[in-house]
Amino acid sequence: RHGCARDLLQKVDAASVTRLHTRIE
C-alpha cells in the first residue's frame, strides 16, 4: 500500500539520519 523503499526516500526526511559506518559486520 506504500510502494518500494527507494520511492519512499522522497517522502521522508532522509537528512534526519546520519550514516555512521558501512554495513554492520
PDBML (XML) file of the C-alpha atoms, coordinates in Angstrom:
<?xml version="1.0" encoding="UTF-8" ?>
<PDBx:datablock datablockName="MODEL"
   xmlns:PDBx="http://pdbml.pdb.org/schema/pdbx-v50.xsd"
   xmlns:xsi="http://www.w3.org/2001/XMLSchema-instance"
   xsi:schemaLocation="http://pdbml.pdb.org/schema/pdbx-v50.xsd pdbx-v50.xsd">
   <PDBx:atom_siteCategory>
      <PDBx:atom_site id="1">
         <PDBx:B_iso_or_equiv>0.00</PDBx:B_iso_or_equiv>
         <PDBx:Cartn_x>0.000</PDBx:Cartn_x>
         <PDBx:Cartn_y>0.000</PDBx:Cartn_y>
         <PDBx:Cartn_z>0.000</PDBx:Cartn_z>
         <PDBx:auth_asym_id>A</PDBx:auth_asym_id>
         <PDBx:auth_atom_id>CA</PDBx:auth_atom_id>
         <PDBx:auth_comp_id>ARG</PDBx:auth_comp_id>
         <PDBx:auth_seq_id>1</PDBx:auth_seq_id>
         <PDBx:group_PDB>ATOM</PDBx:group_PDB>
         <PDBx:label_alt_id xsi:nil="true" />
         <PDBx:label_asym_id>A</PDBx:label_asym_id>
         <PDBx:label_atom_id>CA</PDBx:label_atom_id>
         <PDBx:label_comp_id>ARG</PDBx:label_comp_id>
         <PDBx:label_entity_id>1</PDBx:label_entity_id>
         <PDBx:label_seq_id>1</PDBx:label_seq_id>
         <PDBx:occupancy>1.00</PDBx:occupancy>
         <PDBx:pdbx_PDB_model_num>1</PDBx:pdbx_PDB_model_num>
         <PDBx:type_symbol>C</PDBx:type_symbol>
      </PDBx:atom_site>
      <PDBx:atom_site id="2">
         <PDBx:B_iso_or_equiv>0.00</PDBx:B_iso_or_equiv>
         <PDBx:Cartn_x>3.006</PDBx:Cartn_x>
         <PDBx:Cartn_y>2.381</PDBx:Cartn_y>
         <PDBx:Cartn_z>0.022</PDBx:Cartn_z>
         <PDBx:auth_asym_id>A</PDBx:auth_asym_id>
         <PDBx:auth_atom_id>CA</PDBx:auth_atom_id>
         <PDBx:auth_comp_id>HIS</PDBx:auth_comp_id>
         <PDBx:auth_seq_id>2</PDBx:auth_seq_id>
         <PDBx:group_PDB>ATOM</PDBx:group_PDB>
         <PDBx:label_alt_id xsi:nil="true" />
         <PDBx:label_asym_id>A</PDBx:label_asym_id>
         <PDBx:label_atom_id>CA</PDBx:label_atom_id>
         <PDBx:label_comp_id>HIS</PDBx:label_comp_id>
         <PDBx:label_entity_id>1</PDBx:label_entity_id>
         <PDBx:label_seq_id>2</PDBx:label_seq_id>
         <PDBx:occupancy>1.00</PDBx:occupancy>
         <PDBx:pdbx_PDB_model_num>1</PDBx:pdbx_PDB_model_num>
         <PDBx:type_symbol>C</PDBx:type_symbol>
      </PDBx:atom_site>
      <PDBx:atom_site id="3">
         <PDBx:B_iso_or_equiv>0.00</PDBx:B_iso_or_equiv>
         <PDBx:Cartn_x>5.354</PDBx:Cartn_x>
         <PDBx:Cartn_y>1.454</PDBx:Cartn_y>
         <PDBx:Cartn_z>-2.824</PDBx:Cartn_z>
         <PDBx:auth_asym_id>A</PDBx:auth_asym_id>
         <PDBx:auth_atom_id>CA</PDBx:auth_atom_id>
         <PDBx:auth_comp_id>GLY</PDBx:auth_comp_id>
         <PDBx:auth_seq_id>3</PDBx:auth_seq_id>
         <PDBx:group_PDB>ATOM</PDBx:group_PDB>
         <PDBx:label_alt_id xsi:nil="true" />
         <PDBx:label_asym_id>A</PDBx:label_asym_id>
         <PDBx:label_atom_id>CA</PDBx:label_atom_id>
         <PDBx:label_comp_id>GLY</PDBx:label_comp_id>
         <PDBx:label_entity_id>1</PDBx:label_entity_id>
         <PDBx:label_seq_id>3</PDBx:label_seq_id>
         <PDBx:occupancy>1.00</PDBx:occupancy>
         <PDBx:pdbx_PDB_model_num>1</PDBx:pdbx_PDB_model_num>
         <PDBx:type_symbol>C</PDBx:type_symbol>
      </PDBx:atom_site>
      <PDBx:atom_site id="4">
         <PDBx:B_iso_or_equiv>0.00</PDBx:B_iso_or_equiv>
         <PDBx:Cartn_x>9.005</PDBx:Cartn_x>
         <PDBx:Cartn_y>0.472</PDBx:Cartn_y>
         <PDBx:Cartn_z>-2.888</PDBx:Cartn_z>
         <PDBx:auth_asym_id>A</PDBx:auth_asym_id>
         <PDBx:auth_atom_id>CA</PDBx:auth_atom_id>
         <PDBx:auth_comp_id>CYS</PDBx:auth_comp_id>
         <PDBx:auth_seq_id>4</PDBx:auth_seq_id>
         <PDBx:group_PDB>ATOM</PDBx:group_PDB>
         <PDBx:label_alt_id xsi:nil="true" />
         <PDBx:label_asym_id>A</PDBx:label_asym_id>
         <PDBx:label_atom_id>CA</PDBx:label_atom_id>
         <PDBx:label_comp_id>CYS</PDBx:label_comp_id>
         <PDBx:label_entity_id>1</PDBx:label_entity_id>
         <PDBx:label_seq_id>4</PDBx:label_seq_id>
         <PDBx:occupancy>1.00</PDBx:occupancy>
         <PDBx:pdbx_PDB_model_num>1</PDBx:pdbx_PDB_model_num>
         <PDBx:type_symbol>C</PDBx:type_symbol>
      </PDBx:atom_site>
      <PDBx:atom_site id="5">
         <PDBx:B_iso_or_equiv>0.00</PDBx:B_iso_or_equiv>
         <PDBx:Cartn_x>11.647</PDBx:Cartn_x>
         <PDBx:Cartn_y>1.585</PDBx:Cartn_y>
         <PDBx:Cartn_z>-0.406</PDBx:Cartn_z>
         <PDBx:auth_asym_id>A</PDBx:auth_asym_id>
         <PDBx:auth_atom_id>CA</PDBx:auth_atom_id>
         <PDBx:auth_comp_id>ALA</PDBx:auth_comp_id>
         <PDBx:auth_seq_id>5</PDBx:auth_seq_id>
         <PDBx:group_PDB>ATOM</PDBx:group_PDB>
         <PDBx:label_alt_id xsi:nil="true" />
         <PDBx:label_asym_id>A</PDBx:label_asym_id>
         <PDBx:label_atom_id>CA</PDBx:label_atom_id>
         <PDBx:label_comp_id>ALA</PDBx:label_comp_id>
         <PDBx:label_entity_id>1</PDBx:label_entity_id>
         <PDBx:label_seq_id>5</PDBx:label_seq_id>
         <PDBx:occupancy>1.00</PDBx:occupancy>
         <PDBx:pdbx_PDB_model_num>1</PDBx:pdbx_PDB_model_num>
         <PDBx:type_symbol>C</PDBx:type_symbol>
      </PDBx:atom_site>
      <PDBx:atom_site id="6">
         <PDBx:B_iso_or_equiv>0.00</PDBx:B_iso_or_equiv>
         <PDBx:Cartn_x>13.560</PDBx:Cartn_x>
         <PDBx:Cartn_y>3.685</PDBx:Cartn_y>
         <PDBx:Cartn_z>-2.938</PDBx:Cartn_z>
         <PDBx:auth_asym_id>A</PDBx:auth_asym_id>
         <PDBx:auth_atom_id>CA</PDBx:auth_atom_id>
         <PDBx:auth_comp_id>ARG</PDBx:auth_comp_id>
         <PDBx:auth_seq_id>6</PDBx:auth_seq_id>
         <PDBx:group_PDB>ATOM</PDBx:group_PDB>
         <PDBx:label_alt_id xsi:nil="true" />
         <PDBx:label_asym_id>A</PDBx:label_asym_id>
         <PDBx:label_atom_id>CA</PDBx:label_atom_id>
         <PDBx:label_comp_id>ARG</PDBx:label_comp_id>
         <PDBx:label_entity_id>1</PDBx:label_entity_id>
         <PDBx:label_seq_id>6</PDBx:label_seq_id>
         <PDBx:occupancy>1.00</PDBx:occupancy>
         <PDBx:pdbx_PDB_model_num>1</PDBx:pdbx_PDB_model_num>
         <PDBx:type_symbol>C</PDBx:type_symbol>
      </PDBx:atom_site>
      <PDBx:atom_site id="7">
         <PDBx:B_iso_or_equiv>0.00</PDBx:B_iso_or_equiv>
         <PDBx:Cartn_x>10.445</PDBx:Cartn_x>
         <PDBx:Cartn_y>5.728</PDBx:Cartn_y>
         <PDBx:Cartn_z>-3.810</PDBx:Cartn_z>
         <PDBx:auth_asym_id>A</PDBx:auth_asym_id>
         <PDBx:auth_atom_id>CA</PDBx:auth_atom_id>
         <PDBx:auth_comp_id>ASP</PDBx:auth_comp_id>
         <PDBx:auth_seq_id>7</PDBx:auth_seq_id>
         <PDBx:group_PDB>ATOM</PDBx:group_PDB>
         <PDBx:label_alt_id xsi:nil="true" />
         <PDBx:label_asym_id>A</PDBx:label_asym_id>
         <PDBx:label_atom_id>CA</PDBx:label_atom_id>
         <PDBx:label_comp_id>ASP</PDBx:label_comp_id>
         <PDBx:label_entity_id>1</PDBx:label_entity_id>
         <PDBx:label_seq_id>7</PDBx:label_seq_id>
         <PDBx:occupancy>1.00</PDBx:occupancy>
         <PDBx:pdbx_PDB_model_num>1</PDBx:pdbx_PDB_model_num>
         <PDBx:type_symbol>C</PDBx:type_symbol>
      </PDBx:atom_site>
      <PDBx:atom_site id="8">
         <PDBx:B_iso_or_equiv>0.00</PDBx:B_iso_or_equiv>
         <PDBx:Cartn_x>9.707</PDBx:Cartn_x>
         <PDBx:Cartn_y>6.320</PDBx:Cartn_y>
         <PDBx:Cartn_z>-0.127</PDBx:Cartn_z>
         <PDBx:auth_asym_id>A</PDBx:auth_asym_id>
         <PDBx:auth_atom_id>CA</PDBx:auth_atom_id>
         <PDBx:auth_comp_id>LEU</PDBx:auth_comp_id>
         <PDBx:auth_seq_id>8</PDBx:auth_seq_id>
         <PDBx:group_PDB>ATOM</PDBx:group_PDB>
         <PDBx:label_alt_id xsi:nil="true" />
         <PDBx:label_asym_id>A</PDBx:label_asym_id>
         <PDBx:label_atom_id>CA</PDBx:label_atom_id>
         <PDBx:label_comp_id>LEU</PDBx:label_comp_id>
         <PDBx:label_entity_id>1</PDBx:label_entity_id>
         <PDBx:label_seq_id>8</PDBx:label_seq_id>
         <PDBx:occupancy>1.00</PDBx:occupancy>
         <PDBx:pdbx_PDB_model_num>1</PDBx:pdbx_PDB_model_num>
         <PDBx:type_symbol>C</PDBx:type_symbol>
      </PDBx:atom_site>
      <PDBx:atom_site id="9">
         <PDBx:B_iso_or_equiv>0.00</PDBx:B_iso_or_equiv>
         <PDBx:Cartn_x>13.071</PDBx:Cartn_x>
         <PDBx:Cartn_y>8.073</PDBx:Cartn_y>
         <PDBx:Cartn_z>0.252</PDBx:Cartn_z>
         <PDBx:auth_asym_id>A</PDBx:auth_asym_id>
         <PDBx:auth_atom_id>CA</PDBx:auth_atom_id>
         <PDBx:auth_comp_id>LEU</PDBx:auth_comp_id>
         <PDBx:auth_seq_id>9</PDBx:auth_seq_id>
         <PDBx:group_PDB>ATOM</PDBx:group_PDB>
         <PDBx:label_alt_id xsi:nil="true" />
         <PDBx:label_asym_id>A</PDBx:label_asym_id>
         <PDBx:label_atom_id>CA</PDBx:label_atom_id>
         <PDBx:label_comp_id>LEU</PDBx:label_comp_id>
         <PDBx:label_entity_id>1</PDBx:label_entity_id>
         <PDBx:label_seq_id>9</PDBx:label_seq_id>
         <PDBx:occupancy>1.00</PDBx:occupancy>
         <PDBx:pdbx_PDB_model_num>1</PDBx:pdbx_PDB_model_num>
         <PDBx:type_symbol>C</PDBx:type_symbol>
      </PDBx:atom_site>
      <PDBx:atom_site id="10">
         <PDBx:B_iso_or_equiv>0.00</PDBx:B_iso_or_equiv>
         <PDBx:Cartn_x>11.441</PDBx:Cartn_x>
         <PDBx:Cartn_y>11.089</PDBx:Cartn_y>
         <PDBx:Cartn_z>-1.394</PDBx:Cartn_z>
         <PDBx:auth_asym_id>A</PDBx:auth_asym_id>
         <PDBx:auth_atom_id>CA</PDBx:auth_atom_id>
         <PDBx:auth_comp_id>GLN</PDBx:auth_comp_id>
         <PDBx:auth_seq_id>10</PDBx:auth_seq_id>
         <PDBx:group_PDB>ATOM</PDBx:group_PDB>
         <PDBx:label_alt_id xsi:nil="true" />
         <PDBx:label_asym_id>A</PDBx:label_asym_id>
         <PDBx:label_atom_id>CA</PDBx:label_atom_id>
         <PDBx:label_comp_id>GLN</PDBx:label_comp_id>
         <PDBx:label_entity_id>1</PDBx:label_entity_id>
         <PDBx:label_seq_id>10</PDBx:label_seq_id>
         <PDBx:occupancy>1.00</PDBx:occupancy>
         <PDBx:pdbx_PDB_model_num>1</PDBx:pdbx_PDB_model_num>
         <PDBx:type_symbol>C</PDBx:type_symbol>
      </PDBx:atom_site>
      <PDBx:atom_site id="11">
         <PDBx:B_iso_or_equiv>0.00</PDBx:B_iso_or_equiv>
         <PDBx:Cartn_x>8.707</PDBx:Cartn_x>
         <PDBx:Cartn_y>11.157</PDBx:Cartn_y>
         <PDBx:Cartn_z>1.260</PDBx:Cartn_z>
         <PDBx:auth_asym_id>A</PDBx:auth_asym_id>
         <PDBx:auth_atom_id>CA</PDBx:auth_atom_id>
         <PDBx:auth_comp_id>LYS</PDBx:auth_comp_id>
         <PDBx:auth_seq_id>11</PDBx:auth_seq_id>
         <PDBx:group_PDB>ATOM</PDBx:group_PDB>
         <PDBx:label_alt_id xsi:nil="true" />
         <PDBx:label_asym_id>A</PDBx:label_asym_id>
         <PDBx:label_atom_id>CA</PDBx:label_atom_id>
         <PDBx:label_comp_id>LYS</PDBx:label_comp_id>
         <PDBx:label_entity_id>1</PDBx:label_entity_id>
         <PDBx:label_seq_id>11</PDBx:label_seq_id>
         <PDBx:occupancy>1.00</PDBx:occupancy>
         <PDBx:pdbx_PDB_model_num>1</PDBx:pdbx_PDB_model_num>
         <PDBx:type_symbol>C</PDBx:type_symbol>
      </PDBx:atom_site>
      <PDBx:atom_site id="12">
         <PDBx:B_iso_or_equiv>0.00</PDBx:B_iso_or_equiv>
         <PDBx:Cartn_x>10.844</PDBx:Cartn_x>
         <PDBx:Cartn_y>11.029</PDBx:Cartn_y>
         <PDBx:Cartn_z>4.420</PDBx:Cartn_z>
         <PDBx:auth_asym_id>A</PDBx:auth_asym_id>
         <PDBx:auth_atom_id>CA</PDBx:auth_atom_id>
         <PDBx:auth_comp_id>VAL</PDBx:auth_comp_id>
         <PDBx:auth_seq_id>12</PDBx:auth_seq_id>
         <PDBx:group_PDB>ATOM</PDBx:group_PDB>
         <PDBx:label_alt_id xsi:nil="true" />
         <PDBx:label_asym_id>A</PDBx:label_asym_id>
         <PDBx:label_atom_id>CA</PDBx:label_atom_id>
         <PDBx:label_comp_id>VAL</PDBx:label_comp_id>
         <PDBx:label_entity_id>1</PDBx:label_entity_id>
         <PDBx:label_seq_id>12</PDBx:label_seq_id>
         <PDBx:occupancy>1.00</PDBx:occupancy>
         <PDBx:pdbx_PDB_model_num>1</PDBx:pdbx_PDB_model_num>
         <PDBx:type_symbol>C</PDBx:type_symbol>
      </PDBx:atom_site>
      <PDBx:atom_site id="13">
         <PDBx:B_iso_or_equiv>0.00</PDBx:B_iso_or_equiv>
         <PDBx:Cartn_x>13.407</PDBx:Cartn_x>
         <PDBx:Cartn_y>13.449</PDBx:Cartn_y>
         <PDBx:Cartn_z>5.819</PDBx:Cartn_z>
         <PDBx:auth_asym_id>A</PDBx:auth_asym_id>
         <PDBx:auth_atom_id>CA</PDBx:auth_atom_id>
         <PDBx:auth_comp_id>ASP</PDBx:auth_comp_id>
         <PDBx:auth_seq_id>13</PDBx:auth_seq_id>
         <PDBx:group_PDB>ATOM</PDBx:group_PDB>
         <PDBx:label_alt_id xsi:nil="true" />
         <PDBx:label_asym_id>A</PDBx:label_asym_id>
         <PDBx:label_atom_id>CA</PDBx:label_atom_id>
         <PDBx:label_comp_id>ASP</PDBx:label_comp_id>
         <PDBx:label_entity_id>1</PDBx:label_entity_id>
         <PDBx:label_seq_id>13</PDBx:label_seq_id>
         <PDBx:occupancy>1.00</PDBx:occupancy>
         <PDBx:pdbx_PDB_model_num>1</PDBx:pdbx_PDB_model_num>
         <PDBx:type_symbol>C</PDBx:type_symbol>
      </PDBx:atom_site>
      <PDBx:atom_site id="14">
         <PDBx:B_iso_or_equiv>0.00</PDBx:B_iso_or_equiv>
         <PDBx:Cartn_x>16.488</PDBx:Cartn_x>
         <PDBx:Cartn_y>11.412</PDBx:Cartn_y>
         <PDBx:Cartn_z>4.896</PDBx:Cartn_z>
         <PDBx:auth_asym_id>A</PDBx:auth_asym_id>
         <PDBx:auth_atom_id>CA</PDBx:auth_atom_id>
         <PDBx:auth_comp_id>ALA</PDBx:auth_comp_id>
         <PDBx:auth_seq_id>14</PDBx:auth_seq_id>
         <PDBx:group_PDB>ATOM</PDBx:group_PDB>
         <PDBx:label_alt_id xsi:nil="true" />
         <PDBx:label_asym_id>A</PDBx:label_asym_id>
         <PDBx:label_atom_id>CA</PDBx:label_atom_id>
         <PDBx:label_comp_id>ALA</PDBx:label_comp_id>
         <PDBx:label_entity_id>1</PDBx:label_entity_id>
         <PDBx:label_seq_id>14</PDBx:label_seq_id>
         <PDBx:occupancy>1.00</PDBx:occupancy>
         <PDBx:pdbx_PDB_model_num>1</PDBx:pdbx_PDB_model_num>
         <PDBx:type_symbol>C</PDBx:type_symbol>
      </PDBx:atom_site>
      <PDBx:atom_site id="15">
         <PDBx:B_iso_or_equiv>0.00</PDBx:B_iso_or_equiv>
         <PDBx:Cartn_x>18.697</PDBx:Cartn_x>
         <PDBx:Cartn_y>14.229</PDBx:Cartn_y>
         <PDBx:Cartn_z>6.206</PDBx:Cartn_z>
         <PDBx:auth_asym_id>A</PDBx:auth_asym_id>
         <PDBx:auth_atom_id>CA</PDBx:auth_atom_id>
         <PDBx:auth_comp_id>ALA</PDBx:auth_comp_id>
         <PDBx:auth_seq_id>15</PDBx:auth_seq_id>
         <PDBx:group_PDB>ATOM</PDBx:group_PDB>
         <PDBx:label_alt_id xsi:nil="true" />
         <PDBx:label_asym_id>A</PDBx:label_asym_id>
         <PDBx:label_atom_id>CA</PDBx:label_atom_id>
         <PDBx:label_comp_id>ALA</PDBx:label_comp_id>
         <PDBx:label_entity_id>1</PDBx:label_entity_id>
         <PDBx:label_seq_id>15</PDBx:label_seq_id>
         <PDBx:occupancy>1.00</PDBx:occupancy>
         <PDBx:pdbx_PDB_model_num>1</PDBx:pdbx_PDB_model_num>
         <PDBx:type_symbol>C</PDBx:type_symbol>
      </PDBx:atom_site>
      <PDBx:atom_site id="16">
         <PDBx:B_iso_or_equiv>0.00</PDBx:B_iso_or_equiv>
         <PDBx:Cartn_x>17.383</PDBx:Cartn_x>
         <PDBx:Cartn_y>13.454</PDBx:Cartn_y>
         <PDBx:Cartn_z>9.717</PDBx:Cartn_z>
         <PDBx:auth_asym_id>A</PDBx:auth_asym_id>
         <PDBx:auth_atom_id>CA</PDBx:auth_atom_id>
         <PDBx:auth_comp_id>SER</PDBx:auth_comp_id>
         <PDBx:auth_seq_id>16</PDBx:auth_seq_id>
         <PDBx:group_PDB>ATOM</PDBx:group_PDB>
         <PDBx:label_alt_id xsi:nil="true" />
         <PDBx:label_asym_id>A</PDBx:label_asym_id>
         <PDBx:label_atom_id>CA</PDBx:label_atom_id>
         <PDBx:label_comp_id>SER</PDBx:label_comp_id>
         <PDBx:label_entity_id>1</PDBx:label_entity_id>
         <PDBx:label_seq_id>16</PDBx:label_seq_id>
         <PDBx:occupancy>1.00</PDBx:occupancy>
         <PDBx:pdbx_PDB_model_num>1</PDBx:pdbx_PDB_model_num>
         <PDBx:type_symbol>C</PDBx:type_symbol>
      </PDBx:atom_site>
      <PDBx:atom_site id="17">
         <PDBx:B_iso_or_equiv>0.00</PDBx:B_iso_or_equiv>
         <PDBx:Cartn_x>19.531</PDBx:Cartn_x>
         <PDBx:Cartn_y>10.306</PDBx:Cartn_y>
         <PDBx:Cartn_z>9.865</PDBx:Cartn_z>
         <PDBx:auth_asym_id>A</PDBx:auth_asym_id>
         <PDBx:auth_atom_id>CA</PDBx:auth_atom_id>
         <PDBx:auth_comp_id>VAL</PDBx:auth_comp_id>
         <PDBx:auth_seq_id>17</PDBx:auth_seq_id>
         <PDBx:group_PDB>ATOM</PDBx:group_PDB>
         <PDBx:label_alt_id xsi:nil="true" />
         <PDBx:label_asym_id>A</PDBx:label_asym_id>
         <PDBx:label_atom_id>CA</PDBx:label_atom_id>
         <PDBx:label_comp_id>VAL</PDBx:label_comp_id>
         <PDBx:label_entity_id>1</PDBx:label_entity_id>
         <PDBx:label_seq_id>17</PDBx:label_seq_id>
         <PDBx:occupancy>1.00</PDBx:occupancy>
         <PDBx:pdbx_PDB_model_num>1</PDBx:pdbx_PDB_model_num>
         <PDBx:type_symbol>C</PDBx:type_symbol>
      </PDBx:atom_site>
      <PDBx:atom_site id="18">
         <PDBx:B_iso_or_equiv>0.00</PDBx:B_iso_or_equiv>
         <PDBx:Cartn_x>23.317</PDBx:Cartn_x>
         <PDBx:Cartn_y>10.159</PDBx:Cartn_y>
         <PDBx:Cartn_z>9.712</PDBx:Cartn_z>
         <PDBx:auth_asym_id>A</PDBx:auth_asym_id>
         <PDBx:auth_atom_id>CA</PDBx:auth_atom_id>
         <PDBx:auth_comp_id>THR</PDBx:auth_comp_id>
         <PDBx:auth_seq_id>18</PDBx:auth_seq_id>
         <PDBx:group_PDB>ATOM</PDBx:group_PDB>
         <PDBx:label_alt_id xsi:nil="true" />
         <PDBx:label_asym_id>A</PDBx:label_asym_id>
         <PDBx:label_atom_id>CA</PDBx:label_atom_id>
         <PDBx:label_comp_id>THR</PDBx:label_comp_id>
         <PDBx:label_entity_id>1</PDBx:label_entity_id>
         <PDBx:label_seq_id>18</PDBx:label_seq_id>
         <PDBx:occupancy>1.00</PDBx:occupancy>
         <PDBx:pdbx_PDB_model_num>1</PDBx:pdbx_PDB_model_num>
         <PDBx:type_symbol>C</PDBx:type_symbol>
      </PDBx:atom_site>
      <PDBx:atom_site id="19">
         <PDBx:B_iso_or_equiv>0.00</PDBx:B_iso_or_equiv>
         <PDBx:Cartn_x>25.138</PDBx:Cartn_x>
         <PDBx:Cartn_y>7.162</PDBx:Cartn_y>
         <PDBx:Cartn_z>8.281</PDBx:Cartn_z>
         <PDBx:auth_asym_id>A</PDBx:auth_asym_id>
         <PDBx:auth_atom_id>CA</PDBx:auth_atom_id>
         <PDBx:auth_comp_id>ARG</PDBx:auth_comp_id>
         <PDBx:auth_seq_id>19</PDBx:auth_seq_id>
         <PDBx:group_PDB>ATOM</PDBx:group_PDB>
         <PDBx:label_alt_id xsi:nil="true" />
         <PDBx:label_asym_id>A</PDBx:label_asym_id>
         <PDBx:label_atom_id>CA</PDBx:label_atom_id>
         <PDBx:label_comp_id>ARG</PDBx:label_comp_id>
         <PDBx:label_entity_id>1</PDBx:label_entity_id>
         <PDBx:label_seq_id>19</PDBx:label_seq_id>
         <PDBx:occupancy>1.00</PDBx:occupancy>
         <PDBx:pdbx_PDB_model_num>1</PDBx:pdbx_PDB_model_num>
         <PDBx:type_symbol>C</PDBx:type_symbol>
      </PDBx:atom_site>
      <PDBx:atom_site id="20">
         <PDBx:B_iso_or_equiv>0.00</PDBx:B_iso_or_equiv>
         <PDBx:Cartn_x>27.925</PDBx:Cartn_x>
         <PDBx:Cartn_y>6.077</PDBx:Cartn_y>
         <PDBx:Cartn_z>10.652</PDBx:Cartn_z>
         <PDBx:auth_asym_id>A</PDBx:auth_asym_id>
         <PDBx:auth_atom_id>CA</PDBx:auth_atom_id>
         <PDBx:auth_comp_id>LEU</PDBx:auth_comp_id>
         <PDBx:auth_seq_id>20</PDBx:auth_seq_id>
         <PDBx:group_PDB>ATOM</PDBx:group_PDB>
         <PDBx:label_alt_id xsi:nil="true" />
         <PDBx:label_asym_id>A</PDBx:label_asym_id>
         <PDBx:label_atom_id>CA</PDBx:label_atom_id>
         <PDBx:label_comp_id>LEU</PDBx:label_comp_id>
         <PDBx:label_entity_id>1</PDBx:label_entity_id>
         <PDBx:label_seq_id>20</PDBx:label_seq_id>
         <PDBx:occupancy>1.00</PDBx:occupancy>
         <PDBx:pdbx_PDB_model_num>1</PDBx:pdbx_PDB_model_num>
         <PDBx:type_symbol>C</PDBx:type_symbol>
      </PDBx:atom_site>
      <PDBx:atom_site id="21">
         <PDBx:B_iso_or_equiv>0.00</PDBx:B_iso_or_equiv>
         <PDBx:Cartn_x>29.570</PDBx:Cartn_x>
         <PDBx:Cartn_y>3.038</PDBx:Cartn_y>
         <PDBx:Cartn_z>9.088</PDBx:Cartn_z>
         <PDBx:auth_asym_id>A</PDBx:auth_asym_id>
         <PDBx:auth_atom_id>CA</PDBx:auth_atom_id>
         <PDBx:auth_comp_id>HIS</PDBx:auth_comp_id>
         <PDBx:auth_seq_id>21</PDBx:auth_seq_id>
         <PDBx:group_PDB>ATOM</PDBx:group_PDB>
         <PDBx:label_alt_id xsi:nil="true" />
         <PDBx:label_asym_id>A</PDBx:label_asym_id>
         <PDBx:label_atom_id>CA</PDBx:label_atom_id>
         <PDBx:label_comp_id>HIS</PDBx:label_comp_id>
         <PDBx:label_entity_id>1</PDBx:label_entity_id>
         <PDBx:label_seq_id>21</PDBx:label_seq_id>
         <PDBx:occupancy>1.00</PDBx:occupancy>
         <PDBx:pdbx_PDB_model_num>1</PDBx:pdbx_PDB_model_num>
         <PDBx:type_symbol>C</PDBx:type_symbol>
      </PDBx:atom_site>
      <PDBx:atom_site id="22">
         <PDBx:B_iso_or_equiv>0.00</PDBx:B_iso_or_equiv>
         <PDBx:Cartn_x>29.482</PDBx:Cartn_x>
         <PDBx:Cartn_y>0.789</PDBx:Cartn_y>
         <PDBx:Cartn_z>6.145</PDBx:Cartn_z>
         <PDBx:auth_asym_id>A</PDBx:auth_asym_id>
         <PDBx:auth_atom_id>CA</PDBx:auth_atom_id>
         <PDBx:auth_comp_id>THR</PDBx:auth_comp_id>
         <PDBx:auth_seq_id>22</PDBx:auth_seq_id>
         <PDBx:group_PDB>ATOM</PDBx:group_PDB>
         <PDBx:label_alt_id xsi:nil="true" />
         <PDBx:label_asym_id>A</PDBx:label_asym_id>
         <PDBx:label_atom_id>CA</PDBx:label_atom_id>
         <PDBx:label_comp_id>THR</PDBx:label_comp_id>
         <PDBx:label_entity_id>1</PDBx:label_entity_id>
         <PDBx:label_seq_id>22</PDBx:label_seq_id>
         <PDBx:occupancy>1.00</PDBx:occupancy>
         <PDBx:pdbx_PDB_model_num>1</PDBx:pdbx_PDB_model_num>
         <PDBx:type_symbol>C</PDBx:type_symbol>
      </PDBx:atom_site>
      <PDBx:atom_site id="23">
         <PDBx:B_iso_or_equiv>0.00</PDBx:B_iso_or_equiv>
         <PDBx:Cartn_x>27.350</PDBx:Cartn_x>
         <PDBx:Cartn_y>-2.287</PDBx:Cartn_y>
         <PDBx:Cartn_z>6.716</PDBx:Cartn_z>
         <PDBx:auth_asym_id>A</PDBx:auth_asym_id>
         <PDBx:auth_atom_id>CA</PDBx:auth_atom_id>
         <PDBx:auth_comp_id>ARG</PDBx:auth_comp_id>
         <PDBx:auth_seq_id>23</PDBx:auth_seq_id>
         <PDBx:group_PDB>ATOM</PDBx:group_PDB>
         <PDBx:label_alt_id xsi:nil="true" />
         <PDBx:label_asym_id>A</PDBx:label_asym_id>
         <PDBx:label_atom_id>CA</PDBx:label_atom_id>
         <PDBx:label_comp_id>ARG</PDBx:label_comp_id>
         <PDBx:label_entity_id>1</PDBx:label_entity_id>
         <PDBx:label_seq_id>23</PDBx:label_seq_id>
         <PDBx:occupancy>1.00</PDBx:occupancy>
         <PDBx:pdbx_PDB_model_num>1</PDBx:pdbx_PDB_model_num>
         <PDBx:type_symbol>C</PDBx:type_symbol>
      </PDBx:atom_site>
      <PDBx:atom_site id="24">
         <PDBx:B_iso_or_equiv>0.00</PDBx:B_iso_or_equiv>
         <PDBx:Cartn_x>27.390</PDBx:Cartn_x>
         <PDBx:Cartn_y>-3.876</PDBx:Cartn_y>
         <PDBx:Cartn_z>10.136</PDBx:Cartn_z>
         <PDBx:auth_asym_id>A</PDBx:auth_asym_id>
         <PDBx:auth_atom_id>CA</PDBx:auth_atom_id>
         <PDBx:auth_comp_id>ILE</PDBx:auth_comp_id>
         <PDBx:auth_seq_id>24</PDBx:auth_seq_id>
         <PDBx:group_PDB>ATOM</PDBx:group_PDB>
         <PDBx:label_alt_id xsi:nil="true" />
         <PDBx:label_asym_id>A</PDBx:label_asym_id>
         <PDBx:label_atom_id>CA</PDBx:label_atom_id>
         <PDBx:label_comp_id>ILE</PDBx:label_comp_id>
         <PDBx:label_entity_id>1</PDBx:label_entity_id>
         <PDBx:label_seq_id>24</PDBx:label_seq_id>
         <PDBx:occupancy>1.00</PDBx:occupancy>
         <PDBx:pdbx_PDB_model_num>1</PDBx:pdbx_PDB_model_num>
         <PDBx:type_symbol>C</PDBx:type_symbol>
      </PDBx:atom_site>
      <PDBx:atom_site id="25">
         <PDBx:B_iso_or_equiv>0.00</PDBx:B_iso_or_equiv>
         <PDBx:Cartn_x>29.557</PDBx:Cartn_x>
         <PDBx:Cartn_y>-6.940</PDBx:Cartn_y>
         <PDBx:Cartn_z>10.228</PDBx:Cartn_z>
         <PDBx:auth_asym_id>A</PDBx:auth_asym_id>
         <PDBx:auth_atom_id>CA</PDBx:auth_atom_id>
         <PDBx:auth_comp_id>GLU</PDBx:auth_comp_id>
         <PDBx:auth_seq_id>25</PDBx:auth_seq_id>
         <PDBx:group_PDB>ATOM</PDBx:group_PDB>
         <PDBx:label_alt_id xsi:nil="true" />
         <PDBx:label_asym_id>A</PDBx:label_asym_id>
         <PDBx:label_atom_id>CA</PDBx:label_atom_id>
         <PDBx:label_comp_id>GLU</PDBx:label_comp_id>
         <PDBx:label_entity_id>1</PDBx:label_entity_id>
         <PDBx:label_seq_id>25</PDBx:label_seq_id>
         <PDBx:occupancy>1.00</PDBx:occupancy>
         <PDBx:pdbx_PDB_model_num>1</PDBx:pdbx_PDB_model_num>
         <PDBx:type_symbol>C</PDBx:type_symbol>
      </PDBx:atom_site>
   </PDBx:atom_siteCategory>
</PDBx:datablock>
